[in-house]
Amino acid sequence: MSGPNGDLGMPVEAGAEGEEDGFEEAEYAAINSMLDQINSCLDHLEEKNDHLHARLQELLESNRQTRLEFQQQLGESPGDASL
């Protein structure tokens, strides 16, 4: 344990060590709580991303179908549209 100036050889009082352990436990509890909140936020973002991805896939397929219908109405073959 280091002293107030970073001296490594300074002895630590028994009472101070117990207080420090309690402080470390409180710090760990706070960090765990923050990590839980971050994890919840990331889960929520992942769900939103999955939902958006599914909707974009639906939109893409809908646009493909619409394009094919227009090509058929115009009498074009699907391969001619890429020109």
Protein backbone atom coordinates (compact mmCIF):
# COMPACT_ATOMS: atom_id res chain seq x y z
CA MET A 1 0.00 0.00 0.00
CA SER A 2 1.39 3.45 -0.81
CA GLY A 3 1.45 6.48 1.43
CA PRO A 4 -0.04 9.89 0.61
CA ASN A 5 3.02 10.81 -1.48
CA GLY A 6 3.27 7.45 -3.18
CA ASP A 7 5.80 6.04 -0.67
CA LEU A 8 5.56 2.25 -0.81
CA GLY A 9 7.18 1.57 2.58
CA MET A 10 4.60 3.42 4.70
CA PRO A 11 2.63 1.08 7.02
CA VAL A 12 -1.17 1.01 6.83
CA GLU A 13 -3.30 1.19 9.97
CA ALA A 14 -5.71 -1.70 10.53
CA GLY A 15 -8.78 0.60 10.66
CA ALA A 16 -7.85 2.36 7.43
CA GLU A 17 -7.54 -0.94 5.60
CA GLY A 18 -11.09 -1.94 6.55
CA GLU A 19 -12.43 1.40 5.39
CA GLU A 20 -10.54 1.04 2.13
CA ASP A 21 -12.02 -2.43 1.55
CA GLY A 22 -15.49 -0.98 2.08
CA PHE A 23 -14.71 1.83 -0.33
CA GLU A 24 -13.45 -0.63 -2.92
CA GLU A 25 -16.61 -2.70 -2.54
CA ALA A 26 -18.70 0.44 -3.04
CA GLU A 27 -16.64 1.30 -6.11
CA TYR A 28 -17.09 -2.20 -7.51
CA ALA A 29 -20.83 -2.04 -6.85
CA ALA A 30 -21.04 1.33 -8.65
CA ILE A 31 -18.99 0.03 -11.58
CA ASN A 32 -21.15 -3.10 -11.79
CA SER A 33 -24.27 -0.94 -11.82
CA MET A 34 -22.87 1.24 -14.61
CA LEU A 35 -21.86 -1.84 -16.61
CA ASP A 36 -25.37 -3.26 -16.19
CA GLN A 37 -26.83 -0.02 -17.51
CA ILE A 38 -24.43 -0.01 -20.46
CA ASN A 39 -25.30 -3.64 -21.16
CA SER A 40 -29.01 -2.82 -21.12
CA CYS A 41 -28.46 0.09 -23.51
CA LEU A 42 -26.43 -2.08 -25.85
CA ASP A 43 -29.13 -4.77 -25.79
CA HIS A 44 -31.73 -2.14 -26.65
CA LEU A 45 -29.60 -0.81 -29.50
CA GLU A 46 -29.05 -4.33 -30.80
CA GLU A 47 -32.82 -4.94 -30.83
CA LYS A 48 -33.40 -1.67 -32.69
CA ASN A 49 -30.66 -2.54 -35.17
CA ASP A 50 -32.18 -5.98 -35.79
CA HIS A 51 -35.60 -4.41 -36.30
CA LEU A 52 -34.22 -1.81 -38.73
CA HIS A 53 -32.32 -4.50 -40.61
CA ALA A 54 -35.48 -6.56 -41.01
CA ARG A 55 -37.44 -3.52 -42.21
CA LEU A 56 -34.73 -2.61 -44.71
CA GLN A 57 -34.71 -6.18 -46.03
CA GLU A 58 -38.50 -5.92 -46.51
CA LEU A 59 -38.10 -2.58 -48.30
CA LEU A 60 -35.39 -3.98 -50.54
CA GLU A 61 -37.53 -6.96 -51.50
CA SER A 62 -40.52 -4.69 -52.11
CA ASN A 63 -38.42 -2.47 -54.39
CA ARG A 64 -37.18 -5.51 -56.30
CA GLN A 65 -40.74 -6.70 -56.83
CA THR A 66 -41.87 -3.25 -57.95
CA ARG A 67 -38.96 -2.97 -60.37
CA LEU A 68 -39.74 -6.39 -61.85
CA GLU A 69 -43.39 -5.43 -62.28
CA PHE A 70 -42.43 -2.21 -64.08
CA GLN A 71 -40.03 -4.11 -66.32
CA GLN A 72 -42.73 -6.61 -67.19
CA GLN A 73 -45.17 -3.80 -67.98
CA LEU A 74 -42.61 -2.20 -70.28
CA GLY A 75 -41.82 -5.52 -71.92
CA GLU A 76 -38.19 -5.57 -70.78
CA SER A 77 -36.41 -8.60 -69.54
CA PRO A 78 -34.90 -8.39 -66.01
CA GLY A 79 -31.33 -8.52 -67.36
CA ASP A 80 -31.83 -5.44 -69.61
CA ALA A 81 -32.49 -3.13 -66.66
CA SER A 82 -28.87 -3.13 -65.53
CA LEU A 83 -27.75 -1.19 -68.64
